[in-house]
Protein backbone atom coordinates (compact mmCIF):
# COMPACT_ATOMS: atom_id res chain seq x y z
CA THR A 1 -100.36 33.67 -18.68
CA PHE A 2 -98.61 31.16 -16.42
CA SER A 3 -100.46 32.48 -13.38
CA ASN A 4 -103.76 32.16 -15.28
CA ILE A 5 -103.02 28.48 -15.94
CA LEU A 6 -102.34 27.90 -12.24
CA GLN A 7 -105.51 29.74 -11.21
CA GLY A 8 -107.57 27.76 -13.73
CA LEU A 9 -106.27 24.49 -12.30
CA ASP A 10 -106.82 25.78 -8.74
CA ILE A 11 -103.22 25.16 -7.76
CA SER A 12 -102.11 27.19 -4.79
CA LEU A 13 -98.73 28.83 -4.79
CA LYS A 14 -98.13 28.18 -1.10
CA LYS A 15 -96.16 25.34 0.41
CA GLY A 16 -98.03 22.86 2.57
CA LYS A 17 -100.47 19.99 2.31
CA LYS A 18 -104.22 20.22 2.16
CA SER A 19 -106.72 17.51 2.94
CA ARG A 20 -108.50 16.35 -0.20
CA SER A 21 -111.23 13.94 -1.08
CA VAL A 22 -110.58 11.04 -3.47
CA GLY A 23 -112.27 12.73 -6.45
CA GLU A 24 -110.32 15.91 -5.88
CA GLU A 25 -107.05 13.93 -5.77
CA ASN A 26 -107.71 12.61 -9.30
CA ASP A 27 -108.33 16.15 -10.50
CA ARG A 28 -104.97 17.16 -9.05
CA THR A 29 -103.11 14.43 -10.91
CA ASP A 30 -104.80 15.50 -14.13
CA GLY A 31 -103.75 19.08 -13.42
CA PHE A 32 -100.14 18.03 -12.85
CA ASP A 33 -100.20 16.00 -16.06
CA PHE A 34 -101.50 19.05 -17.92
CA LEU A 35 -98.70 21.19 -16.46
CA LEU A 36 -96.16 18.68 -17.80
CA PHE A 37 -97.81 19.00 -21.22
CA VAL A 38 -97.43 22.79 -20.95
CA LEU A 39 -93.73 22.34 -20.13
CA ASP A 40 -93.35 20.12 -23.22
CA SER A 41 -94.95 22.82 -25.35
CA ILE A 42 -92.67 25.47 -23.86
CA ASP A 43 -89.62 23.31 -24.57
CA THR A 44 -90.55 22.82 -28.23
CA ARG A 45 -90.75 26.60 -28.65
CA LYS A 46 -87.47 27.06 -26.71
CA ILE A 47 -88.82 29.70 -24.36
CA ALA A 48 -88.41 30.07 -20.61
CA CYS A 49 -91.12 29.68 -18.02
CA SER A 50 -91.39 31.90 -14.97
CA GLY A 51 -89.92 30.91 -11.63
CA LEU A 52 -93.36 31.11 -10.04
CA PHE A 53 -94.80 28.62 -12.55
CA TYR A 54 -91.82 26.28 -12.12
CA SER A 55 -91.99 26.33 -8.32
CA SER A 56 -95.75 25.72 -8.40
CA ILE A 57 -95.25 22.61 -10.52
CA LEU A 58 -92.59 21.34 -8.11
CA LEU A 59 -94.78 21.96 -5.07
CA GLU A 60 -97.74 20.23 -6.72
CA GLY A 61 -95.54 17.22 -7.48
CA ALA A 62 -94.36 17.17 -3.87
CA ARG A 63 -97.97 17.33 -2.62
CA LEU A 64 -99.06 14.44 -4.82
CA GLY A 65 -96.05 12.28 -3.97
CA GLY A 66 -95.10 8.99 -5.57
CA LEU A 67 -94.24 9.03 -9.26
CA ARG A 68 -95.23 12.66 -9.67
CA LYS A 69 -92.78 13.69 -6.95
CA LYS A 70 -90.08 11.71 -8.75
CA ILE A 71 -90.90 13.49 -12.03
CA ALA A 72 -90.77 16.81 -10.17
CA SER A 73 -87.30 15.91 -8.91
CA TYR A 74 -86.28 15.26 -12.52
CA LEU A 75 -87.60 18.74 -13.34
CA ALA A 76 -85.16 20.20 -10.81
CA ASP A 77 -82.33 18.12 -12.30
CA ALA A 78 -83.24 19.17 -15.85
CA LYS A 79 -83.17 22.83 -14.84
CA ALA A 80 -79.68 22.41 -13.38
CA ILE A 81 -78.47 20.47 -16.44
CA THR A 82 -79.91 23.02 -18.88
CA LEU A 83 -78.34 25.87 -16.93
CA GLY A 84 -74.99 24.07 -16.90
CA GLU A 85 -75.10 23.30 -20.63
CA SER A 86 -75.84 26.89 -21.52
CA ASN A 87 -72.84 28.17 -19.56
CA ARG A 88 -70.11 25.80 -20.72
CA ILE A 89 -68.71 24.07 -23.75
CA LYS A 90 -69.20 20.33 -23.72
CA VAL A 91 -66.44 18.06 -25.01
CA ASP A 92 -66.97 14.32 -25.38
CA GLU A 93 -64.05 12.00 -25.93
CA CYS A 94 -66.33 9.20 -27.06
CA PRO A 95 -69.60 10.71 -28.23
CA VAL A 96 -72.71 8.57 -28.46
CA PRO A 97 -74.29 8.64 -31.92
CA ASP A 98 -77.48 10.71 -32.06
CA ILE A 99 -79.42 7.70 -33.34
CA GLU A 100 -79.01 5.88 -30.02
CA VAL A 101 -79.86 8.86 -27.80
CA GLN A 102 -83.53 9.66 -27.29
CA ARG A 103 -84.69 13.00 -25.89
CA LEU A 104 -87.83 12.41 -23.86
CA THR A 105 -90.80 14.65 -23.20
CA TRP A 106 -92.19 15.11 -19.70
CA SER A 107 -95.52 13.55 -20.65
CA THR A 108 -93.83 10.48 -22.13
CA LEU A 109 -91.62 10.11 -19.08
CA LEU A 110 -94.68 10.18 -16.81
CA GLU A 111 -96.63 7.67 -18.90
CA ARG A 112 -93.79 5.19 -19.46
CA TYR A 113 -91.47 5.81 -16.53
CA SER A 114 -90.87 2.11 -15.85
CA GLU A 115 -89.43 1.68 -19.37
CA PHE A 116 -87.08 4.65 -19.20
CA LYS A 117 -85.92 4.79 -15.57
CA LYS A 118 -82.88 2.55 -16.07
CA SER A 119 -81.71 4.21 -19.28
CA LEU A 120 -82.05 7.84 -18.14
CA GLY A 121 -78.78 9.65 -18.66
CA ASP A 122 -77.33 7.00 -20.99
CA LYS A 123 -79.72 6.38 -23.87
CA CYS A 124 -82.50 8.73 -22.78
CA ILE A 125 -81.98 12.42 -22.05
CA LEU A 126 -84.25 14.64 -19.99
CA PRO A 127 -85.90 17.53 -21.84
CA ASN A 128 -84.42 21.00 -21.53
CA LEU A 129 -86.04 23.22 -18.92
CA ARG A 130 -85.44 26.93 -19.17
CA VAL A 131 -86.58 28.87 -16.12
CA ARG A 132 -86.47 32.64 -15.71
CA VAL A 133 -86.11 33.36 -11.99
CA GLY A 134 -86.49 36.93 -10.79
CA LYS A 135 -85.01 38.41 -7.63
CA ASN A 136 -88.31 38.10 -5.78
CA GLU A 137 -88.77 34.43 -6.75
CA ILE A 138 -85.39 32.97 -5.73
CA ARG A 139 -86.44 31.94 -2.23
CA GLN A 140 -89.65 30.32 -3.45
CA VAL A 141 -87.84 28.39 -6.20
CA LEU A 142 -85.16 27.10 -3.81
CA SER A 143 -87.80 26.05 -1.29
CA ALA A 144 -89.78 24.19 -3.96
CA GLU A 145 -86.66 22.43 -5.24
CA GLN A 146 -85.78 21.38 -1.71
CA ALA A 147 -89.23 19.81 -1.33
CA VAL A 148 -88.75 17.40 -4.25
CA VAL A 149 -85.06 16.51 -4.21
CA TYR A 150 -84.11 13.05 -3.01
CA GLY A 151 -80.86 12.28 -1.20
CA SER A 152 -78.27 14.51 0.36
CA TYR A 153 -76.96 17.75 -1.06
CA ARG A 154 -73.54 16.27 -1.78
CA MET A 155 -75.04 13.45 -3.84
CA ARG A 156 -77.09 15.93 -5.87
CA ALA A 157 -74.11 18.23 -6.42
CA ALA A 158 -71.92 15.34 -7.54
CA ARG A 159 -74.60 14.11 -9.93
CA ARG A 160 -75.11 17.58 -11.43
CA PHE A 161 -71.44 18.18 -12.14
CA GLU A 162 -70.91 14.66 -13.42
CA ILE A 163 -73.10 15.17 -16.48
């Protein structure tokens, strides 16, 4: 079903940029916004998306650039955080009350990014992102994540283990 969504939106699964007209560019942003809505729906049902679907979203965000590339980089961070939380027990010495912490959705983050960008990690938490990556998809997923990540590898690794 994930591949049918990508085919319906005419999103290619290959890395690289294509030349587009202005009208086609708007269609692409609408498609990316719809994919974020699909990720929100998947998160509410607590199911995993395929690695192919995840990497296609990242590559589309990288192609569009700007805010959508930034959101795609948060997708990569959320995947790493979700994977880390599922594999370890979290102990807080000074927990923040649940009333003050707000779990965002991807669509809300895209629409109101300027409001939430300074409070991400403190008062606002990224949504969970469960991704099922098969043996044949590992290279494609890593390549897509590399296309959207900002900064050096050491900065990303430090940030991932800090949370």
